Amino acid sequence: MASRRKASSEVSRTFRAPATSPAERENQLIEAAVDLAEQQLRNGEASAQVITHYLKLGSSREKLEQKRLENEVALLQTKREAMESEMRTAELIQDALAAMQRYSGNAPAEVEGEFDEYA
């Protein structure tokens, strides 16, 4: 039986271990699609949709949009951190007020039993 000669596209494929998660599988498929699109572009076989997609990715408008999205993510992260800090501050104030009430002998009713182990 004569051996079949592999096409150049088949030879260049790299074999990897199977994906262990859906996200990893998705990344493998995305990478394969990008590799195929690159091959089609180089061979002049790419569809108009593929060409348009990569032209848009390289545009200055797309780069500005990506920068805007990055800034929005950073802003949301900062807002979340500020809210967490506010919550921690409010808890510290609550704890300080409760401690002052205990020290002055006016312990709130909900603190009863907190120090039962020392009684």
PDB file of N, CA and C in Angstrom:
ATOM      1  N   MET A   1       0.845  -1.169   0.000  1.00  0.00           N
ATOM      2  CA  MET A   1       0.000   0.000   0.000  1.00  0.00           C
ATOM      3  C   MET A   1       0.895   1.239   0.000  1.00  0.00           C
ATOM      4  N   ALA A   2       0.658   2.122  -0.924  1.00  0.00           N
ATOM      5  CA  ALA A   2       1.471   3.331  -1.045  1.00  0.00           C
ATOM      6  C   ALA A   2       1.088   4.324   0.027  1.00  0.00           C
ATOM      7  N   SER A   3       2.075   4.994   0.567  1.00  0.00           N
ATOM      8  CA  SER A   3       1.769   5.983   1.598  1.00  0.00           C
ATOM      9  C   SER A   3       1.247   7.261   0.952  1.00  0.00           C
ATOM     10  N   ARG A   4       0.273   7.826   1.602  1.00  0.00           N
ATOM     11  CA  ARG A   4      -0.337   9.052   1.102  1.00  0.00           C
ATOM     12  C   ARG A   4       0.491  10.238   1.556  1.00  0.00           C
ATOM     13  N   ARG A   5       0.785  11.100   0.649  1.00  0.00           N
ATOM     14  CA  ARG A   5       1.566  12.284   0.975  1.00  0.00           C
ATOM     15  C   ARG A   5       0.643  13.346   1.549  1.00  0.00           C
ATOM     16  N   LYS A   6       1.040  13.932   2.674  1.00  0.00           N
ATOM     17  CA  LYS A   6       0.209  14.931   3.345  1.00  0.00           C
ATOM     18  C   LYS A   6       0.394  16.290   2.704  1.00  0.00           C
ATOM     19  N   ALA A   7      -0.683  17.034   2.664  1.00  0.00           N
ATOM     20  CA  ALA A   7      -0.626  18.406   2.153  1.00  0.00           C
ATOM     21  C   ALA A   7       0.148  19.266   3.143  1.00  0.00           C
ATOM     22  N   SER A   8       0.650  20.391   2.665  1.00  0.00           N
ATOM     23  CA  SER A   8       1.449  21.252   3.540  1.00  0.00           C
ATOM     24  C   SER A   8       0.636  21.766   4.718  1.00  0.00           C
ATOM     25  N   SER A   9      -0.676  21.962   4.549  1.00  0.00           N
ATOM     26  CA  SER A   9      -1.496  22.443   5.660  1.00  0.00           C
ATOM     27  C   SER A   9      -1.664  21.377   6.724  1.00  0.00           C
ATOM     28  N   GLU A  10      -1.653  20.096   6.316  1.00  0.00           N
ATOM     29  CA  GLU A  10      -1.788  19.021   7.285  1.00  0.00           C
ATOM     30  C   GLU A  10      -0.499  18.823   8.074  1.00  0.00           C
ATOM     31  N   VAL A  11       0.626  19.042   7.441  1.00  0.00           N
ATOM     32  CA  VAL A  11       1.910  18.852   8.096  1.00  0.00           C
ATOM     33  C   VAL A  11       2.127  19.904   9.169  1.00  0.00           C
ATOM     34  N   SER A  12       1.649  21.128   8.932  1.00  0.00           N
ATOM     35  CA  SER A  12       1.915  22.217   9.859  1.00  0.00           C
ATOM     36  C   SER A  12       1.042  22.184  11.109  1.00  0.00           C
ATOM     37  N   ARG A  13       0.076  21.306  11.154  1.00  0.00           N
ATOM     38  CA  ARG A  13      -0.781  21.226  12.339  1.00  0.00           C
ATOM     39  C   ARG A  13       0.014  20.699  13.522  1.00  0.00           C
ATOM     40  N   THR A  14      -0.266  21.278  14.671  1.00  0.00           N
ATOM     41  CA  THR A  14       0.368  20.791  15.885  1.00  0.00           C
ATOM     42  C   THR A  14      -0.676  20.069  16.704  1.00  0.00           C
ATOM     43  N   PHE A  15      -0.270  18.992  17.315  1.00  0.00           N
ATOM     44  CA  PHE A  15      -1.195  18.217  18.116  1.00  0.00           C
ATOM     45  C   PHE A  15      -1.021  18.598  19.571  1.00  0.00           C
ATOM     46  N   ARG A  16      -2.138  18.799  20.230  1.00  0.00           N
ATOM     47  CA  ARG A  16      -2.128  19.187  21.634  1.00  0.00           C
ATOM     48  C   ARG A  16      -2.925  18.187  22.446  1.00  0.00           C
ATOM     49  N   ALA A  17      -2.747  18.285  23.736  1.00  0.00           N
ATOM     50  CA  ALA A  17      -3.551  17.456  24.632  1.00  0.00           C
ATOM     51  C   ALA A  17      -4.992  17.935  24.565  1.00  0.00           C
ATOM     52  N   PRO A  18      -5.939  17.036  24.762  1.00  0.00           N
ATOM     53  CA  PRO A  18      -7.341  17.457  24.720  1.00  0.00           C
ATOM     54  C   PRO A  18      -7.642  18.473  25.821  1.00  0.00           C
ATOM     55  N   ALA A  19      -8.605  19.331  25.531  1.00  0.00           N
ATOM     56  CA  ALA A  19      -8.985  20.373  26.491  1.00  0.00           C
ATOM     57  C   ALA A  19      -9.586  19.736  27.736  1.00  0.00           C
ATOM     58  N   THR A  20      -9.328  20.358  28.874  1.00  0.00           N
ATOM     59  CA  THR A  20      -9.861  19.838  30.134  1.00  0.00           C
ATOM     60  C   THR A  20     -11.064  20.623  30.626  1.00  0.00           C
ATOM     61  N   SER A  21     -11.379  21.727  29.947  1.00  0.00           N
ATOM     62  CA  SER A  21     -12.532  22.530  30.340  1.00  0.00           C
ATOM     63  C   SER A  21     -13.177  23.123  29.097  1.00  0.00           C
ATOM     64  N   PRO A  22     -14.445  23.509  29.200  1.00  0.00           N
ATOM     65  CA  PRO A  22     -15.104  24.134  28.050  1.00  0.00           C
ATOM     66  C   PRO A  22     -14.404  25.426  27.604  1.00  0.00           C
ATOM     67  N   ALA A  23     -13.905  26.199  28.541  1.00  0.00           N
ATOM     68  CA  ALA A  23     -13.222  27.449  28.192  1.00  0.00           C
ATOM     69  C   ALA A  23     -11.938  27.157  27.420  1.00  0.00           C
ATOM     70  N   GLU A  24     -11.211  26.142  27.838  1.00  0.00           N
ATOM     71  CA  GLU A  24      -9.976  25.780  27.145  1.00  0.00           C
ATOM     72  C   GLU A  24     -10.296  25.267  25.738  1.00  0.00           C
ATOM     73  N   ARG A  25     -11.361  24.495  25.607  1.00  0.00           N
ATOM     74  CA  ARG A  25     -11.781  23.999  24.291  1.00  0.00           C
ATOM     75  C   ARG A  25     -12.153  25.155  23.378  1.00  0.00           C
ATOM     76  N   GLU A  26     -12.886  26.116  23.940  1.00  0.00           N
ATOM     77  CA  GLU A  26     -13.272  27.294  23.158  1.00  0.00           C
ATOM     78  C   GLU A  26     -12.040  28.038  22.666  1.00  0.00           C
ATOM     79  N   ASN A  27     -11.049  28.191  23.527  1.00  0.00           N
ATOM     80  CA  ASN A  27      -9.810  28.870  23.130  1.00  0.00           C
ATOM     81  C   ASN A  27      -9.089  28.112  22.022  1.00  0.00           C
ATOM     82  N   GLN A  28      -9.101  26.778  22.092  1.00  0.00           N
ATOM     83  CA  GLN A  28      -8.483  25.981  21.034  1.00  0.00           C
ATOM     84  C   GLN A  28      -9.198  26.198  19.700  1.00  0.00           C
ATOM     85  N   LEU A  29     -10.523  26.223  19.742  1.00  0.00           N
ATOM     86  CA  LEU A  29     -11.295  26.414  18.508  1.00  0.00           C
ATOM     87  C   LEU A  29     -11.093  27.810  17.932  1.00  0.00           C
ATOM     88  N   ILE A  30     -11.011  28.804  18.795  1.00  0.00           N
ATOM     89  CA  ILE A  30     -10.760  30.177  18.336  1.00  0.00           C
ATOM     90  C   ILE A  30      -9.398  30.250  17.664  1.00  0.00           C
ATOM     91  N   GLU A  31      -8.406  29.638  18.290  1.00  0.00           N
ATOM     92  CA  GLU A  31      -7.060  29.640  17.719  1.00  0.00           C
ATOM     93  C   GLU A  31      -7.042  28.941  16.358  1.00  0.00           C
ATOM     94  N   ALA A  32      -7.762  27.837  16.246  1.00  0.00           N
ATOM     95  CA  ALA A  32      -7.826  27.116  14.971  1.00  0.00           C
ATOM     96  C   ALA A  32      -8.504  27.970  13.902  1.00  0.00           C
ATOM     97  N   ALA A  33      -9.564  28.686  14.280  1.00  0.00           N
ATOM     98  CA  ALA A  33     -10.264  29.544  13.321  1.00  0.00           C
ATOM     99  C   ALA A  33      -9.367  30.689  12.854  1.00  0.00           C
ATOM    100  N   VAL A  34      -8.617  31.260  13.769  1.00  0.00           N
ATOM    101  CA  VAL A  34      -7.703  32.348  13.407  1.00  0.00           C
ATOM    102  C   VAL A  34      -6.594  31.814  12.494  1.00  0.00           C
ATOM    103  N   ASP A  35      -6.089  30.623  12.798  1.00  0.00           N
ATOM    104  CA  ASP A  35      -5.055  30.018  11.943  1.00  0.00           C
ATOM    105  C   ASP A  35      -5.595  29.782  10.535  1.00  0.00           C
ATOM    106  N   LEU A  36      -6.820  29.286  10.443  1.00  0.00           N
ATOM    107  CA  LEU A  36      -7.430  29.042   9.136  1.00  0.00           C
ATOM    108  C   LEU A  36      -7.634  30.350   8.373  1.00  0.00           C
ATOM    109  N   ALA A  37      -8.102  31.382   9.078  1.00  0.00           N
ATOM    110  CA  ALA A  37      -8.299  32.684   8.436  1.00  0.00           C
ATOM    111  C   ALA A  37      -6.973  33.232   7.926  1.00  0.00           C
ATOM    112  N   GLU A  38      -5.922  33.057   8.721  1.00  0.00           N
ATOM    113  CA  GLU A  38      -4.598  33.528   8.288  1.00  0.00           C
ATOM    114  C   GLU A  38      -4.147  32.782   7.037  1.00  0.00           C
ATOM    115  N   GLN A  39      -4.353  31.478   7.027  1.00  0.00           N
ATOM    116  CA  GLN A  39      -3.970  30.681   5.864  1.00  0.00           C
ATOM    117  C   GLN A  39      -4.757  31.129   4.628  1.00  0.00           C
ATOM    118  N   GLN A  40      -6.058  31.367   4.788  1.00  0.00           N
ATOM    119  CA  GLN A  40      -6.879  31.815   3.665  1.00  0.00           C
ATOM    120  C   GLN A  40      -6.427  33.176   3.159  1.00  0.00           C
ATOM    121  N   LEU A  41      -6.094  34.081   4.070  1.00  0.00           N
ATOM    122  CA  LEU A  41      -5.615  35.400   3.661  1.00  0.00           C
ATOM    123  C   LEU A  41      -4.305  35.294   2.876  1.00  0.00           C
ATOM    124  N   ARG A  42      -3.401  34.464   3.365  1.00  0.00           N
ATOM    125  CA  ARG A  42      -2.111  34.308   2.686  1.00  0.00           C
ATOM    126  C   ARG A  42      -2.269  33.679   1.304  1.00  0.00           C
ATOM    127  N   ASN A  43      -3.222  32.756   1.173  1.00  0.00           N
ATOM    128  CA  ASN A  43      -3.429  32.068  -0.109  1.00  0.00           C
ATOM    129  C   ASN A  43      -4.348  32.833  -1.054  1.00  0.00           C
ATOM    130  N   GLY A  44      -4.920  33.929  -0.574  1.00  0.00           N
ATOM    131  CA  GLY A  44      -5.844  34.701  -1.401  1.00  0.00           C
ATOM    132  C   GLY A  44      -7.207  34.053  -1.536  1.00  0.00           C
ATOM    133  N   GLU A  45      -7.556  33.179  -0.610  1.00  0.00           N
ATOM    134  CA  GLU A  45      -8.824  32.463  -0.658  1.00  0.00           C
ATOM    135  C   GLU A  45      -9.831  32.962   0.370  1.00  0.00           C
ATOM    136  N   ALA A  46      -9.506  34.019   1.113  1.00  0.00           N
ATOM    137  CA  ALA A  46     -10.366  34.498   2.196  1.00  0.00           C
ATOM    138  C   ALA A  46     -11.631  35.132   1.637  1.00  0.00           C
ATOM    139  N   SER A  47     -12.728  34.911   2.348  1.00  0.00           N
ATOM    140  CA  SER A  47     -13.995  35.522   1.951  1.00  0.00           C
ATOM    141  C   SER A  47     -13.979  37.008   2.299  1.00  0.00           C
ATOM    142  N   ALA A  48     -14.931  37.721   1.751  1.00  0.00           N
ATOM    143  CA  ALA A  48     -15.036  39.157   2.026  1.00  0.00           C
ATOM    144  C   ALA A  48     -15.280  39.396   3.514  1.00  0.00           C
ATOM    145  N   GLN A  49     -16.023  38.494   4.156  1.00  0.00           N
ATOM    146  CA  GLN A  49     -16.300  38.653   5.590  1.00  0.00           C
ATOM    147  C   GLN A  49     -15.025  38.555   6.419  1.00  0.00           C
ATOM    148  N   VAL A  50     -14.175  37.610   6.078  1.00  0.00           N
ATOM    149  CA  VAL A  50     -12.920  37.438   6.822  1.00  0.00           C
ATOM    150  C   VAL A  50     -12.030  38.659   6.629  1.00  0.00           C
ATOM    151  N   ILE A  51     -11.933  39.111   5.398  1.00  0.00           N
ATOM    152  CA  ILE A  51     -11.099  40.284   5.110  1.00  0.00           C
ATOM    153  C   ILE A  51     -11.632  41.501   5.852  1.00  0.00           C
ATOM    154  N   THR A  52     -12.932  41.732   5.805  1.00  0.00           N
ATOM    155  CA  THR A  52     -13.549  42.876   6.489  1.00  0.00           C
ATOM    156  C   THR A  52     -13.325  42.799   7.988  1.00  0.00           C
ATOM    157  N   HIS A  53     -13.454  41.599   8.550  1.00  0.00           N
ATOM    158  CA  HIS A  53     -13.252  41.423   9.993  1.00  0.00           C
ATOM    159  C   HIS A  53     -11.859  41.886  10.412  1.00  0.00           C
ATOM    160  N   TYR A  54     -10.842  41.442   9.686  1.00  0.00           N
ATOM    161  CA  TYR A  54      -9.476  41.804  10.059  1.00  0.00           C
ATOM    162  C   TYR A  54      -9.147  43.251   9.719  1.00  0.00           C
ATOM    163  N   LEU A  55      -9.776  43.799   8.701  1.00  0.00           N
ATOM    164  CA  LEU A  55      -9.594  45.224   8.422  1.00  0.00           C
ATOM    165  C   LEU A  55     -10.164  46.069   9.556  1.00  0.00           C
ATOM    166  N   LYS A  56     -11.333  45.671  10.053  1.00  0.00           N
ATOM    167  CA  LYS A  56     -11.930  46.414  11.169  1.00  0.00           C
ATOM    168  C   LYS A  56     -11.068  46.321  12.423  1.00  0.00           C
ATOM    169  N   LEU A  57     -10.492  45.137  12.677  1.00  0.00           N
ATOM    170  CA  LEU A  57      -9.629  44.979  13.854  1.00  0.00           C
ATOM    171  C   LEU A  57      -8.436  45.918  13.819  1.00  0.00           C
ATOM    172  N   GLY A  58      -7.947  46.214  12.642  1.00  0.00           N
ATOM    173  CA  GLY A  58      -6.784  47.073  12.502  1.00  0.00           C
ATOM    174  C   GLY A  58      -7.102  48.552  12.438  1.00  0.00           C
ATOM    175  N   SER A  59      -8.378  48.918  12.440  1.00  0.00           N
ATOM    176  CA  SER A  59      -8.738  50.327  12.298  1.00  0.00           C
ATOM    177  C   SER A  59      -8.494  51.106  13.586  1.00  0.00           C
ATOM    178  N   SER A  60      -8.313  52.404  13.433  1.00  0.00           N
ATOM    179  CA  SER A  60      -8.101  53.258  14.607  1.00  0.00           C
ATOM    180  C   SER A  60      -9.359  53.322  15.461  1.00  0.00           C
ATOM    181  N   ARG A  61     -10.514  53.224  14.837  1.00  0.00           N
ATOM    182  CA  ARG A  61     -11.769  53.243  15.594  1.00  0.00           C
ATOM    183  C   ARG A  61     -11.855  52.027  16.524  1.00  0.00           C
ATOM    184  N   GLU A  62     -11.468  50.877  16.032  1.00  0.00           N
ATOM    185  CA  GLU A  62     -11.489  49.661  16.850  1.00  0.00           C
ATOM    186  C   GLU A  62     -10.517  49.784  18.019  1.00  0.00           C
ATOM    187  N   LYS A  63      -9.359  50.363  17.755  1.00  0.00           N
ATOM    188  CA  LYS A  63      -8.370  50.533  18.821  1.00  0.00           C
ATOM    189  C   LYS A  63      -8.895  51.481  19.896  1.00  0.00           C
ATOM    190  N   LEU A  64      -9.576  52.544  19.475  1.00  0.00           N
ATOM    191  CA  LEU A  64     -10.180  53.466  20.445  1.00  0.00           C
ATOM    192  C   LEU A  64     -11.286  52.782  21.238  1.00  0.00           C
ATOM    193  N   GLU A  65     -12.061  51.963  20.560  1.00  0.00           N
ATOM    194  CA  GLU A  65     -13.143  51.234  21.234  1.00  0.00           C
ATOM    195  C   GLU A  65     -12.574  50.268  22.282  1.00  0.00           C
ATOM    196  N   GLN A  66     -11.493  49.585  21.948  1.00  0.00           N
ATOM    197  CA  GLN A  66     -10.851  48.686  22.897  1.00  0.00           C
ATOM    198  C   GLN A  66     -10.313  49.457  24.106  1.00  0.00           C
ATOM    199  N   LYS A  67      -9.730  50.617  23.843  1.00  0.00           N
ATOM    200  CA  LYS A  67      -9.214  51.449  24.930  1.00  0.00           C
ATOM    201  C   LYS A  67     -10.351  51.925  25.831  1.00  0.00           C
ATOM    202  N   ARG A  68     -11.484  52.313  25.209  1.00  0.00           N
ATOM    203  CA  ARG A  68     -12.649  52.745  25.977  1.00  0.00           C
ATOM    204  C   ARG A  68     -13.161  51.614  26.871  1.00  0.00           C
ATOM    205  N   LEU A  69     -13.222  50.411  26.336  1.00  0.00           N
ATOM    206  CA  LEU A  69     -13.672  49.267  27.119  1.00  0.00           C
ATOM    207  C   LEU A  69     -12.723  48.981  28.281  1.00  0.00           C
ATOM    208  N   GLU A  70     -11.426  49.079  28.035  1.00  0.00           N
ATOM    209  CA  GLU A  70     -10.450  48.884  29.113  1.00  0.00           C
ATOM    210  C   GLU A  70     -10.650  49.914  30.217  1.00  0.00           C
ATOM    211  N   ASN A  71     -10.892  51.173  29.826  1.00  0.00           N
ATOM    212  CA  ASN A  71     -11.112  52.231  30.816  1.00  0.00           C
ATOM    213  C   ASN A  71     -12.400  51.996  31.600  1.00  0.00           C
ATOM    214  N   GLU A  72     -13.437  51.515  30.936  1.00  0.00           N
ATOM    215  CA  GLU A  72     -14.687  51.220  31.630  1.00  0.00           C
ATOM    216  C   GLU A  72     -14.505  50.109  32.655  1.00  0.00           C
ATOM    217  N   VAL A  73     -13.746  49.095  32.293  1.00  0.00           N
ATOM    218  CA  VAL A  73     -13.474  48.000  33.221  1.00  0.00           C
ATOM    219  C   VAL A  73     -12.697  48.525  34.432  1.00  0.00           C
ATOM    220  N   ALA A  74     -11.705  49.365  34.190  1.00  0.00           N
ATOM    221  CA  ALA A  74     -10.919  49.928  35.289  1.00  0.00           C
ATOM    222  C   ALA A  74     -11.798  50.793  36.194  1.00  0.00           C
ATOM    223  N   LEU A  75     -12.702  51.564  35.592  1.00  0.00           N
ATOM    224  CA  LEU A  75     -13.609  52.404  36.377  1.00  0.00           C
ATOM    225  C   LEU A  75     -14.532  51.554  37.238  1.00  0.00           C
ATOM    226  N   LEU A  76     -15.086  50.501  36.664  1.00  0.00           N
ATOM    227  CA  LEU A  76     -15.962  49.615  37.436  1.00  0.00           C
ATOM    228  C   LEU A  76     -15.204  48.939  38.573  1.00  0.00           C
ATOM    229  N   GLN A  77     -13.977  48.554  38.329  1.00  0.00           N
ATOM    230  CA  GLN A  77     -13.152  47.945  39.376  1.00  0.00           C
ATOM    231  C   GLN A  77     -12.919  48.945  40.508  1.00  0.00           C
ATOM    232  N   THR A  78     -12.632  50.193  40.163  1.00  0.00           N
ATOM    233  CA  THR A  78     -12.404  51.223  41.170  1.00  0.00           C
ATOM    234  C   THR A  78     -13.668  51.474  41.979  1.00  0.00           C
ATOM    235  N   LYS A  79     -14.809  51.514  41.297  1.00  0.00           N
ATOM    236  CA  LYS A  79     -16.078  51.714  41.998  1.00  0.00           C
ATOM    237  C   LYS A  79     -16.349  50.564  42.965  1.00  0.00           C
ATOM    238  N   ARG A  80     -16.069  49.343  42.525  1.00  0.00           N
ATOM    239  CA  ARG A  80     -16.291  48.186  43.392  1.00  0.00           C
ATOM    240  C   ARG A  80     -15.395  48.257  44.626  1.00  0.00           C
ATOM    241  N   GLU A  81     -14.143  48.618  44.426  1.00  0.00           N
ATOM    242  CA  GLU A  81     -13.221  48.737  45.549  1.00  0.00           C
ATOM    243  C   GLU A  81     -13.667  49.832  46.510  1.00  0.00           C
ATOM    244  N   ALA A  82     -14.177  50.942  45.972  1.00  0.00           N
ATOM    245  CA  ALA A  82     -14.658  52.031  46.828  1.00  0.00           C
ATOM    246  C   ALA A  82     -15.859  51.579  47.646  1.00  0.00           C
ATOM    247  N   MET A  83     -16.763  50.827  47.025  1.00  0.00           N
ATOM    248  CA  MET A  83     -17.935  50.329  47.747  1.00  0.00           C
ATOM    249  C   MET A  83     -17.518  49.361  48.852  1.00  0.00           C
ATOM    250  N   GLU A  84     -16.562  48.477  48.568  1.00  0.00           N
ATOM    251  CA  GLU A  84     -16.075  47.538  49.574  1.00  0.00           C
ATOM    252  C   GLU A  84     -15.418  48.289  50.725  1.00  0.00           C
ATOM    253  N   SER A  85     -14.677  49.332  50.400  1.00  0.00           N
ATOM    254  CA  SER A  85     -14.022  50.132  51.423  1.00  0.00           C
ATOM    255  C   SER A  85     -15.063  50.836  52.300  1.00  0.00           C
ATOM    256  N   GLU A  86     -16.116  51.353  51.667  1.00  0.00           N
ATOM    257  CA  GLU A  86     -17.201  51.984  52.425  1.00  0.00           C
ATOM    258  C   GLU A  86     -17.849  50.996  53.373  1.00  0.00           C
ATOM    259  N   MET A  87     -18.066  49.790  52.902  1.00  0.00           N
ATOM    260  CA  MET A  87     -18.691  48.766  53.749  1.00  0.00           C
ATOM    261  C   MET A  87     -17.794  48.427  54.931  1.00  0.00           C
ATOM    262  N   ARG A  88     -16.484  48.301  54.691  1.00  0.00           N
ATOM    263  CA  ARG A  88     -15.553  48.013  55.786  1.00  0.00           C
ATOM    264  C   ARG A  88     -15.525  49.164  56.783  1.00  0.00           C
ATOM    265  N   THR A  89     -15.551  50.395  56.285  1.00  0.00           N
ATOM    266  CA  THR A  89     -15.557  51.564  57.165  1.00  0.00           C
ATOM    267  C   THR A  89     -16.823  51.589  58.014  1.00  0.00           C
ATOM    268  N   ALA A  90     -17.963  51.304  57.389  1.00  0.00           N
ATOM    269  CA  ALA A  90     -19.223  51.282  58.134  1.00  0.00           C
ATOM    270  C   ALA A  90     -19.189  50.206  59.216  1.00  0.00           C
ATOM    271  N   GLU A  91     -18.630  49.048  58.915  1.00  0.00           N
ATOM    272  CA  GLU A  91     -18.522  47.982  59.912  1.00  0.00           C
ATOM    273  C   GLU A  91     -17.610  48.397  61.062  1.00  0.00           C
ATOM    274  N   LEU A  92     -16.490  49.047  60.733  1.00  0.00           N
ATOM    275  CA  LEU A  92     -15.571  49.501  61.779  1.00  0.00           C
ATOM    276  C   LEU A  92     -16.242  50.536  62.683  1.00  0.00           C
ATOM    277  N   ILE A  93     -17.023  51.430  62.090  1.00  0.00           N
ATOM    278  CA  ILE A  93     -17.733  52.439  62.882  1.00  0.00           C
ATOM    279  C   ILE A  93     -18.751  51.771  63.794  1.00  0.00           C
ATOM    280  N   GLN A  94     -19.489  50.785  63.234  1.00  0.00           N
ATOM    281  CA  GLN A  94     -20.463  50.043  64.051  1.00  0.00           C
ATOM    282  C   GLN A  94     -19.765  49.370  65.228  1.00  0.00           C
ATOM    283  N   ASP A  95     -18.638  48.718  64.948  1.00  0.00           N
ATOM    284  CA  ASP A  95     -17.901  48.028  66.006  1.00  0.00           C
ATOM    285  C   ASP A  95     -17.385  49.017  67.051  1.00  0.00           C
ATOM    286  N   ALA A  96     -16.894  50.168  66.599  1.00  0.00           N
ATOM    287  CA  ALA A  96     -16.385  51.175  67.529  1.00  0.00           C
ATOM    288  C   ALA A  96     -17.509  51.720  68.404  1.00  0.00           C
ATOM    289  N   LEU A  97     -18.670  51.993  67.820  1.00  0.00           N
ATOM    290  CA  LEU A  97     -19.807  52.482  68.604  1.00  0.00           C
ATOM    291  C   LEU A  97     -20.263  51.443  69.621  1.00  0.00           C
ATOM    292  N   ALA A  98     -20.323  50.189  69.218  1.00  0.00           N
ATOM    293  CA  ALA A  98     -20.727  49.128  70.145  1.00  0.00           C
ATOM    294  C   ALA A  98     -19.720  48.999  71.280  1.00  0.00           C
ATOM    295  N   ALA A  99     -18.426  49.108  70.939  1.00  0.00           N
ATOM    296  CA  ALA A  99     -17.402  49.017  71.983  1.00  0.00           C
ATOM    297  C   ALA A  99     -17.522  50.173  72.958  1.00  0.00           C
ATOM    298  N   MET A 100     -17.765  51.379  72.448  1.00  0.00           N
ATOM    299  CA  MET A 100     -17.919  52.540  73.342  1.00  0.00           C
ATOM    300  C   MET A 100     -19.130  52.380  74.247  1.00  0.00           C
ATOM    301  N   GLN A 101     -20.210  51.833  73.708  1.00  0.00           N
ATOM    302  CA  GLN A 101     -21.394  51.612  74.535  1.00  0.00           C
ATOM    303  C   GLN A 101     -21.110  50.585  75.620  1.00  0.00           C
ATOM    304  N   ARG A 102     -20.358  49.528  75.280  1.00  0.00           N
ATOM    305  CA  ARG A 102     -20.023  48.520  76.298  1.00  0.00           C
ATOM    306  C   ARG A 102     -19.137  49.125  77.377  1.00  0.00           C
ATOM    307  N   TYR A 103     -18.165  49.946  76.987  1.00  0.00           N
ATOM    308  CA  TYR A 103     -17.265  50.555  77.966  1.00  0.00           C
ATOM    309  C   TYR A 103     -17.990  51.524  78.877  1.00  0.00           C
ATOM    310  N   SER A 104     -19.023  52.201  78.357  1.00  0.00           N
ATOM    311  CA  SER A 104     -19.747  53.164  79.185  1.00  0.00           C
ATOM    312  C   SER A 104     -20.834  52.499  80.017  1.00  0.00           C
ATOM    313  N   GLY A 105     -21.038  51.186  79.844  1.00  0.00           N
ATOM    314  CA  GLY A 105     -22.040  50.472  80.624  1.00  0.00           C
ATOM    315  C   GLY A 105     -23.406  50.466  79.967  1.00  0.00           C
ATOM    316  N   ASN A 106     -23.522  50.989  78.788  1.00  0.00           N
ATOM    317  CA  ASN A 106     -24.789  51.017  78.059  1.00  0.00           C
ATOM    318  C   ASN A 106     -24.761  50.003  76.900  1.00  0.00           C
ATOM    319  N   ALA A 107     -24.432  48.779  77.209  1.00  0.00           N
ATOM    320  CA  ALA A 107     -24.301  47.767  76.163  1.00  0.00           C
ATOM    321  C   ALA A 107     -25.643  47.547  75.481  1.00  0.00           C
ATOM    322  N   PRO A 108     -25.670  47.457  74.176  1.00  0.00           N
ATOM    323  CA  PRO A 108     -26.914  47.190  73.467  1.00  0.00           C
ATOM    324  C   PRO A 108     -27.448  45.800  73.799  1.00  0.00           C
ATOM    325  N   ALA A 109     -28.748  45.610  73.661  1.00  0.00           N
ATOM    326  CA  ALA A 109     -29.395  44.352  74.022  1.00  0.00           C
ATOM    327  C   ALA A 109     -28.880  43.192  73.177  1.00  0.00           C
ATOM    328  N   GLU A 110     -28.522  43.436  71.934  1.00  0.00           N
ATOM    329  CA  GLU A 110     -28.101  42.359  71.044  1.00  0.00           C
ATOM    330  C   GLU A 110     -26.718  41.818  71.378  1.00  0.00           C
ATOM    331  N   VAL A 111     -25.977  42.499  72.251  1.00  0.00           N
ATOM    332  CA  VAL A 111     -24.632  42.056  72.592  1.00  0.00           C
ATOM    333  C   VAL A 111     -24.669  41.068  73.743  1.00  0.00           C
ATOM    334  N   GLU A 112     -25.833  40.866  74.354  1.00  0.00           N
ATOM    335  CA  GLU A 112     -25.947  39.953  75.495  1.00  0.00           C
ATOM    336  C   GLU A 112     -25.419  38.581  75.109  1.00  0.00           C
ATOM    337  N   GLY A 113     -24.726  37.953  76.001  1.00  0.00           N
ATOM    338  CA  GLY A 113     -24.210  36.619  75.766  1.00  0.00           C
ATOM    339  C   GLY A 113     -22.912  36.598  74.997  1.00  0.00           C
ATOM    340  N   GLU A 114     -22.454  37.746  74.546  1.00  0.00           N
ATOM    341  CA  GLU A 114     -21.226  37.802  73.778  1.00  0.00           C
ATOM    342  C   GLU A 114     -20.029  37.417  74.638  1.00  0.00           C
ATOM    343  N   PHE A 115     -20.098  37.763  75.945  1.00  0.00           N
ATOM    344  CA  PHE A 115     -18.982  37.503  76.841  1.00  0.00           C
ATOM    345  C   PHE A 115     -19.352  36.469  77.899  1.00  0.00           C
ATOM    346  N   ASP A 116     -20.274  35.566  77.583  1.00  0.00           N
ATOM    347  CA  ASP A 116     -20.715  34.555  78.532  1.00  0.00           C
ATOM    348  C   ASP A 116     -19.574  33.646  78.997  1.00  0.00           C
ATOM    349  N   GLU A 117     -18.608  33.417  78.166  1.00  0.00           N
ATOM    350  CA  GLU A 117     -17.527  32.527  78.531  1.00  0.00           C
ATOM    351  C   GLU A 117     -16.664  33.115  79.641  1.00  0.00           C
ATOM    352  N   TYR A 118     -16.711  34.422  79.864  1.00  0.00           N
ATOM    353  CA  TYR A 118     -15.912  35.059  80.918  1.00  0.00           C
ATOM    354  C   TYR A 118     -16.697  35.218  82.218  1.00  0.00           C
ATOM    355  N   ALA A 119     -17.993  34.946  82.198  1.00  0.00           N
ATOM    356  CA  ALA A 119     -18.842  35.149  83.384  1.00  0.00           C
ATOM    357  C   ALA A 119     -18.629  34.068  84.411  1.00  0.00           C
TER     358      ALA A 119
END
